[in-house]
Amino acid sequence: MNFCSNCGHPVNLKVPAGDTLPRHVCGNCGSIHYQNPKIIVGALAEWDDRVLMCRRAIEPRYGLWTLPAGFMECGEDSLQGALRETLEEAGARIEIQGLYSIINITYVDQIYLIYRARLLDLDFCAGEESLEVRLMQESEVPWGELAFRSIDLTLRAYFRDRPTRRFDLFEATLDRRHSAARLITPPAATD
């Protein structure tokens, strides 16, 4: 960032009073410009033993497969975003079952929130951002043609959990060198 979006004057990178990290600060109006991670929301939509997959019609990763997901919009919550993205990319109506995975991608400042969902019907079609949309069993997932590591991790966790139907929240962090994953299990019930 070179210029203040409030007044147009140059900004300087410095640690503002009361903060611990460098921020872009306007020397003219004093505005502090925070840069924070982007949130991607989507759905892992089920129909019987299959999941809804989209083949991307846009960059990045044109032609590769993913779950319906995209950037959250201002003014919507993550659940609304997952419903919207699924409708936009796959023309699919879903019922959200719960948050399933949180993938932190630190090297590109993104956080993926993927919800488990149930397809309400089989009336779906490719949206403008998808070349095709298909229901796939685990054996049909094109593992070598998935667009993003976050989607690969989410699908592997899902297929691992599916036989028991116990879908604990799955969290992973991806950085340039490695990934670390862990299950987040709910606390045990107490009397």
Foldseek 3Di string as FASTA:
>chain_A
DAADPVPGAGWDFDADPPGDHTFTAHPPPGDTDDDAAWEKAAEQEDDVQWTKKFQFCDDDQHRFIFGQMGTDDPPDDRVVRHQVSCCQAKVFGWAFPAWFEWEAEPARRYIYTYTYIYTPDPPIFGHPGGPTMDIDHPVRHPLVRHRDVVRNVRVVLCVVCVVVVDRFHKYKYHYPPDIDIDGDHDDDDDD
